[in-house]
């Protein structure tokens, strides 16, 4: 667990159980749909890594999941369910969470990440070194997306 300070508030960034992120995923990514749609294939896998930023009362304010899914025939983690509570967007939570998940991937020896990013989120990912690959496409329950990838560089001293 890592303490982070955002807008003078101490928050906790840590790996967590999938159950701790479902409500936020549903609110941000699947609003108006049944809560079951916020559960993804592979969530229960022992290899999946769920992470969240939590307030002192335990409320999840940001979340993301890494699951093993090959990309272009290479060993990779797929980033899924990346969400930040509406009241905390543009506060640095998304950046902190993404950096944490990238560090986790490196710890697992995975140097390639990919995701299907919602079109409005593409600039956020690009700002953090991700690249668009391919054309925009539609996911029926989630809207327009772009496939994105990031090749991680080894870091001598990843610290949590």
N, C-alpha and C. Protein backbone atom coordinates (compact mmCIF):
# COMPACT_ATOMS: atom_id res chain seq x y z
N UNK A 1 0.85 -1.17 0.00
CA UNK A 1 0.00 0.00 0.00
C UNK A 1 0.90 1.23 0.00
N UNK A 2 0.47 2.23 -0.76
CA UNK A 2 1.20 3.49 -0.82
C UNK A 2 0.25 4.62 -0.47
N UNK A 3 0.69 5.50 0.39
CA UNK A 3 -0.09 6.70 0.69
C UNK A 3 0.23 7.74 -0.37
N UNK A 4 -0.81 8.42 -0.85
CA UNK A 4 -0.62 9.54 -1.77
C UNK A 4 -1.42 10.71 -1.23
N UNK A 5 -0.96 11.88 -1.55
CA UNK A 5 -1.63 13.09 -1.10
C UNK A 5 -2.15 13.82 -2.33
N UNK A 6 -3.46 13.99 -2.39
CA UNK A 6 -4.12 14.71 -3.48
C UNK A 6 -4.98 15.80 -2.86
N UNK A 7 -4.75 17.03 -3.27
CA UNK A 7 -5.52 18.15 -2.72
C UNK A 7 -5.58 18.11 -1.20
N UNK A 8 -4.44 17.91 -0.59
CA UNK A 8 -4.29 17.89 0.88
C UNK A 8 -4.98 16.71 1.55
N UNK A 9 -5.48 15.78 0.78
CA UNK A 9 -6.14 14.62 1.36
C UNK A 9 -5.22 13.41 1.22
N UNK A 10 -5.08 12.64 2.30
CA UNK A 10 -4.28 11.42 2.24
C UNK A 10 -5.17 10.30 1.74
N UNK A 11 -4.71 9.64 0.67
CA UNK A 11 -5.43 8.52 0.07
C UNK A 11 -4.51 7.32 0.04
N UNK A 12 -5.08 6.15 -0.21
CA UNK A 12 -4.32 4.91 -0.17
C UNK A 12 -4.42 4.20 -1.52
N UNK A 13 -3.29 3.95 -2.14
CA UNK A 13 -3.19 3.29 -3.44
C UNK A 13 -2.67 1.89 -3.18
N UNK A 14 -3.46 0.88 -3.59
CA UNK A 14 -3.06 -0.49 -3.27
C UNK A 14 -3.71 -1.49 -4.21
N UNK A 15 -3.13 -2.70 -4.22
CA UNK A 15 -3.80 -3.82 -4.86
C UNK A 15 -5.01 -4.16 -4.01
N UNK A 16 -6.03 -4.70 -4.65
CA UNK A 16 -7.27 -4.98 -3.92
C UNK A 16 -8.01 -6.14 -4.58
N UNK A 17 -9.10 -6.51 -3.96
CA UNK A 17 -9.98 -7.55 -4.51
C UNK A 17 -10.90 -6.93 -5.56
N UNK A 18 -11.32 -7.72 -6.51
CA UNK A 18 -12.21 -7.22 -7.56
C UNK A 18 -13.49 -6.65 -6.97
N UNK A 19 -13.98 -7.23 -5.89
CA UNK A 19 -15.23 -6.74 -5.29
C UNK A 19 -15.12 -5.28 -4.86
N UNK A 20 -13.91 -4.83 -4.56
CA UNK A 20 -13.71 -3.46 -4.11
C UNK A 20 -13.81 -2.43 -5.24
N UNK A 21 -13.76 -2.88 -6.50
CA UNK A 21 -13.77 -1.94 -7.63
C UNK A 21 -15.07 -1.99 -8.44
N UNK A 22 -15.89 -2.98 -8.21
CA UNK A 22 -17.09 -3.18 -9.04
C UNK A 22 -18.02 -1.96 -9.00
N UNK A 23 -18.28 -1.42 -7.84
CA UNK A 23 -19.22 -0.30 -7.74
C UNK A 23 -18.74 0.90 -8.55
N UNK A 24 -17.46 1.23 -8.45
CA UNK A 24 -16.94 2.37 -9.21
C UNK A 24 -16.94 2.07 -10.70
N UNK A 25 -16.50 0.87 -11.08
CA UNK A 25 -16.56 0.49 -12.50
C UNK A 25 -17.98 0.67 -13.04
N UNK A 26 -18.95 0.19 -12.28
CA UNK A 26 -20.33 0.27 -12.73
C UNK A 26 -20.77 1.72 -12.86
N UNK A 27 -20.50 2.53 -11.84
CA UNK A 27 -20.92 3.94 -11.86
C UNK A 27 -20.31 4.71 -13.03
N UNK A 28 -19.03 4.47 -13.31
CA UNK A 28 -18.33 5.26 -14.32
C UNK A 28 -18.42 4.65 -15.72
N UNK A 29 -18.27 3.34 -15.81
CA UNK A 29 -18.15 2.70 -17.12
C UNK A 29 -19.41 1.99 -17.61
N UNK A 30 -20.33 1.67 -16.73
CA UNK A 30 -21.50 0.89 -17.13
C UNK A 30 -22.80 1.48 -16.56
N UNK A 31 -22.82 2.76 -16.31
CA UNK A 31 -24.02 3.41 -15.75
C UNK A 31 -25.23 3.10 -16.62
N UNK A 32 -26.32 2.78 -15.99
CA UNK A 32 -27.55 2.47 -16.71
C UNK A 32 -27.67 1.02 -17.14
N UNK A 33 -26.63 0.25 -16.98
CA UNK A 33 -26.63 -1.17 -17.33
C UNK A 33 -26.64 -2.00 -16.05
N UNK A 34 -26.98 -3.26 -16.13
CA UNK A 34 -26.94 -4.10 -14.92
C UNK A 34 -25.53 -4.14 -14.33
N UNK A 35 -25.42 -4.23 -13.03
CA UNK A 35 -24.12 -4.22 -12.36
C UNK A 35 -23.23 -5.37 -12.85
N UNK A 36 -23.83 -6.47 -13.29
CA UNK A 36 -23.05 -7.61 -13.78
C UNK A 36 -22.17 -7.23 -14.97
N UNK A 37 -22.57 -6.19 -15.71
CA UNK A 37 -21.77 -5.78 -16.87
C UNK A 37 -20.45 -5.13 -16.45
N UNK A 38 -20.29 -4.83 -15.16
CA UNK A 38 -19.03 -4.27 -14.66
C UNK A 38 -18.05 -5.36 -14.25
N UNK A 39 -18.46 -6.61 -14.42
CA UNK A 39 -17.57 -7.74 -14.18
C UNK A 39 -17.04 -8.21 -15.53
N UNK A 40 -15.72 -8.38 -15.59
CA UNK A 40 -15.08 -8.73 -16.86
C UNK A 40 -14.52 -10.14 -16.82
N UNK A 41 -14.44 -10.75 -18.00
CA UNK A 41 -13.80 -12.05 -18.12
C UNK A 41 -12.38 -11.93 -17.58
N UNK A 42 -11.97 -12.88 -16.77
CA UNK A 42 -10.62 -12.87 -16.22
C UNK A 42 -10.49 -12.16 -14.89
N UNK A 43 -11.54 -11.48 -14.43
CA UNK A 43 -11.47 -10.77 -13.14
C UNK A 43 -11.08 -11.69 -11.98
N UNK A 44 -11.55 -12.91 -12.02
CA UNK A 44 -11.33 -13.84 -10.91
C UNK A 44 -10.04 -14.64 -11.06
N UNK A 45 -9.31 -14.43 -12.16
CA UNK A 45 -8.07 -15.17 -12.39
C UNK A 45 -7.04 -14.81 -11.32
N UNK A 46 -6.26 -15.81 -10.91
CA UNK A 46 -5.19 -15.56 -9.94
C UNK A 46 -4.14 -14.61 -10.50
N UNK A 47 -4.06 -14.52 -11.82
CA UNK A 47 -3.07 -13.64 -12.46
C UNK A 47 -3.55 -12.20 -12.58
N UNK A 48 -4.84 -11.96 -12.42
CA UNK A 48 -5.37 -10.60 -12.54
C UNK A 48 -4.87 -9.75 -11.38
N UNK A 49 -4.62 -8.47 -11.67
CA UNK A 49 -4.19 -7.51 -10.65
C UNK A 49 -5.17 -6.35 -10.65
N UNK A 50 -5.91 -6.20 -9.56
CA UNK A 50 -6.85 -5.10 -9.40
C UNK A 50 -6.20 -4.09 -8.46
N UNK A 51 -6.34 -2.82 -8.78
CA UNK A 51 -5.76 -1.78 -7.93
C UNK A 51 -6.77 -0.66 -7.78
N UNK A 52 -6.67 0.03 -6.66
CA UNK A 52 -7.57 1.14 -6.43
C UNK A 52 -6.93 2.21 -5.56
N UNK A 53 -7.52 3.39 -5.65
CA UNK A 53 -7.18 4.49 -4.75
C UNK A 53 -8.38 4.64 -3.83
N UNK A 54 -8.13 4.59 -2.53
CA UNK A 54 -9.20 4.59 -1.53
C UNK A 54 -9.05 5.76 -0.57
N UNK A 55 -10.19 6.31 -0.17
CA UNK A 55 -10.16 7.37 0.85
C UNK A 55 -10.02 6.69 2.22
N UNK A 56 -9.81 7.46 3.29
CA UNK A 56 -9.62 6.85 4.62
C UNK A 56 -10.81 6.01 5.09
N UNK A 57 -11.99 6.24 4.57
CA UNK A 57 -13.16 5.45 4.94
C UNK A 57 -13.30 4.18 4.09
N UNK A 58 -12.40 3.99 3.12
CA UNK A 58 -12.41 2.79 2.30
C UNK A 58 -13.18 2.91 0.99
N UNK A 59 -13.67 4.10 0.65
CA UNK A 59 -14.39 4.28 -0.61
C UNK A 59 -13.39 4.30 -1.77
N UNK A 60 -13.69 3.53 -2.81
CA UNK A 60 -12.83 3.48 -3.99
C UNK A 60 -13.07 4.72 -4.85
N UNK A 61 -12.01 5.48 -5.11
CA UNK A 61 -12.10 6.71 -5.89
C UNK A 61 -11.53 6.55 -7.30
N UNK A 62 -10.70 5.55 -7.49
CA UNK A 62 -10.12 5.26 -8.82
C UNK A 62 -9.76 3.78 -8.84
N UNK A 63 -9.87 3.17 -10.02
CA UNK A 63 -9.57 1.74 -10.11
C UNK A 63 -9.07 1.37 -11.49
N UNK A 64 -8.41 0.25 -11.55
CA UNK A 64 -7.95 -0.32 -12.81
C UNK A 64 -7.57 -1.77 -12.60
N UNK A 65 -7.59 -2.54 -13.67
CA UNK A 65 -7.30 -3.97 -13.61
C UNK A 65 -6.34 -4.34 -14.72
N UNK A 66 -5.39 -5.19 -14.39
CA UNK A 66 -4.50 -5.80 -15.37
C UNK A 66 -4.86 -7.28 -15.46
N UNK A 67 -5.04 -7.77 -16.67
CA UNK A 67 -5.27 -9.20 -16.86
C UNK A 67 -4.39 -9.68 -18.01
N UNK A 68 -3.85 -10.90 -17.85
CA UNK A 68 -2.99 -11.43 -18.90
C UNK A 68 -3.81 -11.70 -20.16
N UNK A 69 -3.45 -11.04 -21.23
CA UNK A 69 -4.03 -11.31 -22.55
C UNK A 69 -2.95 -10.97 -23.57
N UNK A 70 -2.57 -11.95 -24.33
CA UNK A 70 -1.54 -11.71 -25.35
C UNK A 70 -1.93 -10.57 -26.27
N UNK A 71 -0.90 -9.89 -26.76
CA UNK A 71 -1.13 -8.85 -27.75
C UNK A 71 -0.16 -9.11 -28.89
N UNK A 72 -0.70 -9.30 -30.08
CA UNK A 72 0.12 -9.53 -31.27
C UNK A 72 1.08 -10.70 -31.05
N UNK A 73 0.59 -11.74 -30.36
CA UNK A 73 1.38 -12.94 -30.12
C UNK A 73 2.42 -12.81 -29.01
N UNK A 74 2.41 -11.69 -28.31
CA UNK A 74 3.39 -11.46 -27.25
C UNK A 74 2.72 -11.46 -25.88
N UNK A 75 3.48 -11.85 -24.87
CA UNK A 75 2.99 -11.84 -23.49
C UNK A 75 2.68 -10.39 -23.10
N UNK A 76 1.48 -10.16 -22.59
CA UNK A 76 1.06 -8.79 -22.29
C UNK A 76 0.02 -8.79 -21.19
N UNK A 77 -0.11 -7.62 -20.60
CA UNK A 77 -1.22 -7.34 -19.70
C UNK A 77 -2.19 -6.44 -20.45
N UNK A 78 -3.46 -6.72 -20.29
CA UNK A 78 -4.50 -5.83 -20.79
C UNK A 78 -5.00 -4.97 -19.64
N UNK A 79 -5.02 -3.68 -19.84
CA UNK A 79 -5.57 -2.76 -18.86
C UNK A 79 -7.06 -2.65 -19.11
N UNK A 80 -7.85 -2.88 -18.07
CA UNK A 80 -9.30 -2.82 -18.19
C UNK A 80 -9.89 -2.10 -16.99
N UNK A 81 -11.09 -1.59 -17.16
CA UNK A 81 -11.84 -1.06 -16.04
C UNK A 81 -11.21 0.15 -15.39
N UNK A 82 -10.42 0.90 -16.13
CA UNK A 82 -9.79 2.10 -15.57
C UNK A 82 -10.88 3.16 -15.40
N UNK A 83 -11.07 3.60 -14.16
CA UNK A 83 -12.14 4.56 -13.87
C UNK A 83 -11.74 5.45 -12.71
N UNK A 84 -12.15 6.71 -12.79
CA UNK A 84 -11.93 7.66 -11.70
C UNK A 84 -13.27 8.30 -11.38
N UNK A 85 -13.59 8.34 -10.09
CA UNK A 85 -14.81 8.99 -9.62
C UNK A 85 -14.90 10.40 -10.22
N UNK A 86 -16.07 10.76 -10.67
CA UNK A 86 -16.27 12.04 -11.37
C UNK A 86 -15.76 13.24 -10.57
N UNK A 87 -15.95 13.24 -9.28
CA UNK A 87 -15.53 14.37 -8.45
C UNK A 87 -14.01 14.46 -8.28
N UNK A 88 -13.29 13.42 -8.68
CA UNK A 88 -11.84 13.38 -8.50
C UNK A 88 -11.07 13.38 -9.82
N UNK A 89 -11.75 13.59 -10.92
CA UNK A 89 -11.05 13.63 -12.21
C UNK A 89 -10.16 14.87 -12.28
N UNK A 90 -9.08 14.73 -13.01
CA UNK A 90 -8.10 15.80 -13.20
C UNK A 90 -7.40 16.20 -11.90
N UNK A 91 -7.38 15.28 -10.93
CA UNK A 91 -6.73 15.54 -9.65
C UNK A 91 -5.38 14.86 -9.54
N UNK A 92 -5.06 13.97 -10.48
CA UNK A 92 -3.82 13.20 -10.42
C UNK A 92 -4.03 11.75 -10.01
N UNK A 93 -5.27 11.39 -9.65
CA UNK A 93 -5.52 10.00 -9.25
C UNK A 93 -5.29 9.03 -10.41
N UNK A 94 -5.77 9.39 -11.60
CA UNK A 94 -5.60 8.51 -12.75
C UNK A 94 -4.13 8.29 -13.07
N UNK A 95 -3.35 9.36 -13.04
CA UNK A 95 -1.90 9.24 -13.30
C UNK A 95 -1.24 8.35 -12.26
N UNK A 96 -1.53 8.59 -10.98
CA UNK A 96 -0.93 7.78 -9.92
C UNK A 96 -1.30 6.31 -10.06
N UNK A 97 -2.56 6.04 -10.37
CA UNK A 97 -3.02 4.66 -10.54
C UNK A 97 -2.34 4.00 -11.74
N UNK A 98 -2.27 4.71 -12.86
CA UNK A 98 -1.64 4.16 -14.06
C UNK A 98 -0.16 3.85 -13.80
N UNK A 99 0.54 4.74 -13.14
CA UNK A 99 1.95 4.50 -12.80
C UNK A 99 2.09 3.28 -11.89
N UNK A 100 1.20 3.16 -10.92
CA UNK A 100 1.20 2.02 -10.01
C UNK A 100 1.00 0.71 -10.78
N UNK A 101 0.04 0.69 -11.70
CA UNK A 101 -0.23 -0.52 -12.49
C UNK A 101 0.94 -0.85 -13.41
N UNK A 102 1.57 0.16 -13.98
CA UNK A 102 2.74 -0.08 -14.83
C UNK A 102 3.88 -0.68 -14.00
N UNK A 103 4.06 -0.19 -12.79
CA UNK A 103 5.08 -0.75 -11.89
C UNK A 103 4.75 -2.20 -11.55
N UNK A 104 3.48 -2.48 -11.31
CA UNK A 104 3.06 -3.85 -11.03
C UNK A 104 3.35 -4.77 -12.21
N UNK A 105 3.09 -4.31 -13.42
CA UNK A 105 3.38 -5.11 -14.62
C UNK A 105 4.88 -5.42 -14.70
N UNK A 106 5.72 -4.40 -14.47
CA UNK A 106 7.17 -4.62 -14.49
C UNK A 106 7.57 -5.67 -13.44
N UNK A 107 7.00 -5.57 -12.25
CA UNK A 107 7.31 -6.53 -11.19
C UNK A 107 6.97 -7.96 -11.62
N UNK A 108 5.94 -8.08 -12.43
CA UNK A 108 5.53 -9.40 -12.93
C UNK A 108 6.31 -9.80 -14.18
N UNK A 109 7.21 -8.94 -14.63
CA UNK A 109 8.03 -9.23 -15.81
C UNK A 109 7.30 -9.02 -17.13
N UNK A 110 6.20 -8.28 -17.10
CA UNK A 110 5.42 -8.01 -18.31
C UNK A 110 5.77 -6.59 -18.79
N UNK A 111 6.27 -6.51 -20.01
CA UNK A 111 6.76 -5.22 -20.51
C UNK A 111 5.88 -4.65 -21.62
N UNK A 112 4.75 -5.28 -21.88
CA UNK A 112 3.83 -4.80 -22.91
C UNK A 112 2.43 -4.71 -22.31
N UNK A 113 1.83 -3.53 -22.45
CA UNK A 113 0.46 -3.30 -22.00
C UNK A 113 -0.38 -2.89 -23.20
N UNK A 114 -1.67 -3.23 -23.15
CA UNK A 114 -2.59 -2.77 -24.18
C UNK A 114 -3.95 -2.55 -23.55
N UNK A 115 -4.76 -1.76 -24.24
CA UNK A 115 -6.12 -1.51 -23.77
C UNK A 115 -6.99 -1.07 -24.94
N UNK A 116 -8.28 -1.12 -24.72
CA UNK A 116 -9.25 -0.49 -25.59
C UNK A 116 -9.70 0.76 -24.85
N UNK A 117 -9.17 1.91 -25.26
CA UNK A 117 -9.43 3.16 -24.55
C UNK A 117 -10.65 3.87 -25.14
N UNK A 118 -11.53 4.34 -24.27
CA UNK A 118 -12.63 5.18 -24.75
C UNK A 118 -12.02 6.39 -25.45
N UNK A 119 -12.64 6.79 -26.53
CA UNK A 119 -12.11 7.89 -27.34
C UNK A 119 -11.79 9.13 -26.50
N UNK A 120 -12.67 9.57 -25.58
CA UNK A 120 -12.31 10.77 -24.80
C UNK A 120 -11.09 10.57 -23.89
N UNK A 121 -10.71 9.32 -23.58
CA UNK A 121 -9.58 9.05 -22.70
C UNK A 121 -8.25 8.95 -23.45
N UNK A 122 -8.29 8.92 -24.77
CA UNK A 122 -7.07 8.76 -25.56
C UNK A 122 -6.01 9.81 -25.22
N UNK A 123 -6.34 11.09 -25.13
CA UNK A 123 -5.30 12.08 -24.78
C UNK A 123 -4.63 11.80 -23.43
N UNK A 124 -5.39 11.32 -22.45
CA UNK A 124 -4.82 10.97 -21.15
C UNK A 124 -3.74 9.90 -21.33
N UNK A 125 -4.07 8.83 -22.04
CA UNK A 125 -3.10 7.74 -22.22
C UNK A 125 -1.90 8.21 -23.04
N UNK A 126 -2.14 8.97 -24.08
CA UNK A 126 -1.03 9.47 -24.91
C UNK A 126 -0.07 10.31 -24.07
N UNK A 127 -0.60 11.10 -23.18
CA UNK A 127 0.21 11.94 -22.29
C UNK A 127 1.14 11.08 -21.43
N UNK A 128 0.75 9.82 -21.22
CA UNK A 128 1.52 8.92 -20.37
C UNK A 128 2.25 7.84 -21.17
N UNK A 129 2.50 8.14 -22.45
CA UNK A 129 3.36 7.28 -23.25
C UNK A 129 2.70 6.16 -24.02
N UNK A 130 1.39 6.11 -24.01
CA UNK A 130 0.68 5.08 -24.77
C UNK A 130 0.54 5.54 -26.22
N UNK A 131 0.41 4.58 -27.13
CA UNK A 131 0.26 4.88 -28.55
C UNK A 131 -1.01 4.25 -29.10
N UNK A 132 -1.68 4.99 -29.97
CA UNK A 132 -2.86 4.47 -30.68
C UNK A 132 -2.40 3.52 -31.76
N UNK A 133 -3.08 2.38 -31.86
CA UNK A 133 -2.82 1.45 -32.96
C UNK A 133 -4.16 1.12 -33.62
N UNK A 134 -4.31 1.50 -34.84
CA UNK A 134 -5.54 1.20 -35.55
C UNK A 134 -6.55 2.34 -35.53
N UNK A 135 -7.68 2.03 -36.08
CA UNK A 135 -8.76 3.00 -36.25
C UNK A 135 -9.75 2.93 -35.09
N UNK A 136 -10.54 3.96 -34.96
CA UNK A 136 -11.58 4.00 -33.95
C UNK A 136 -12.60 2.89 -34.24
N UNK A 137 -13.11 2.27 -33.18
CA UNK A 137 -14.14 1.24 -33.32
C UNK A 137 -15.16 1.41 -32.21
N UNK A 138 -16.29 0.80 -32.38
CA UNK A 138 -17.41 0.94 -31.45
C UNK A 138 -17.57 -0.33 -30.62
N UNK A 139 -17.71 -0.17 -29.32
CA UNK A 139 -18.12 -1.25 -28.43
C UNK A 139 -19.57 -0.95 -28.07
N UNK A 140 -20.50 -1.82 -28.46
CA UNK A 140 -21.93 -1.50 -28.35
C UNK A 140 -22.39 -0.96 -26.99
N UNK A 141 -21.89 -1.50 -25.90
CA UNK A 141 -22.36 -1.04 -24.59
C UNK A 141 -21.50 0.08 -24.01
N UNK A 142 -20.44 0.47 -24.72
CA UNK A 142 -19.50 1.43 -24.13
C UNK A 142 -19.08 2.58 -25.05
N UNK A 143 -19.49 2.55 -26.32
CA UNK A 143 -19.18 3.67 -27.20
C UNK A 143 -17.88 3.52 -27.98
N UNK A 144 -17.42 4.63 -28.58
CA UNK A 144 -16.23 4.59 -29.44
C UNK A 144 -14.93 4.42 -28.65
N UNK A 145 -14.03 3.62 -29.21
CA UNK A 145 -12.75 3.28 -28.57
C UNK A 145 -11.62 3.28 -29.60
N UNK A 146 -10.41 3.32 -29.09
CA UNK A 146 -9.19 3.07 -29.86
C UNK A 146 -8.37 2.04 -29.12
N UNK A 147 -7.73 1.15 -29.86
CA UNK A 147 -6.77 0.23 -29.25
C UNK A 147 -5.49 1.02 -29.02
N UNK A 148 -4.90 0.83 -27.83
CA UNK A 148 -3.66 1.52 -27.48
C UNK A 148 -2.68 0.53 -26.87
N UNK A 149 -1.39 0.82 -27.01
CA UNK A 149 -0.34 -0.02 -26.43
C UNK A 149 0.72 0.85 -25.76
N UNK A 150 1.42 0.22 -24.84
CA UNK A 150 2.58 0.85 -24.23
C UNK A 150 3.62 -0.23 -23.96
N UNK A 151 4.83 0.03 -24.45
CA UNK A 151 5.96 -0.85 -24.16
C UNK A 151 6.71 -0.24 -22.98
N UNK A 152 6.78 -1.00 -21.91
CA UNK A 152 7.43 -0.51 -20.69
C UNK A 152 8.94 -0.67 -20.78
N UNK A 153 9.63 0.22 -20.15
CA UNK A 153 11.08 0.13 -20.05
C UNK A 153 11.40 -0.39 -18.65
N UNK A 154 12.38 -1.27 -18.55
CA UNK A 154 12.76 -1.75 -17.21
C UNK A 154 13.26 -0.56 -16.38
N UNK A 155 12.93 -0.59 -15.11
CA UNK A 155 13.43 0.43 -14.19
C UNK A 155 14.22 -0.27 -13.10
N UNK A 156 15.35 0.29 -12.80
CA UNK A 156 16.25 -0.35 -11.83
C UNK A 156 15.63 -0.44 -10.45
N UNK A 157 14.89 0.58 -10.06
CA UNK A 157 14.40 0.61 -8.68
C UNK A 157 12.93 1.02 -8.64
N UNK A 158 12.05 0.13 -9.08
CA UNK A 158 10.63 0.40 -8.91
C UNK A 158 10.32 0.39 -7.42
N UNK A 159 9.68 1.41 -6.97
CA UNK A 159 9.32 1.47 -5.54
C UNK A 159 7.84 1.70 -5.41
N UNK A 160 7.26 1.08 -4.43
CA UNK A 160 5.84 1.27 -4.18
C UNK A 160 5.64 2.14 -2.99
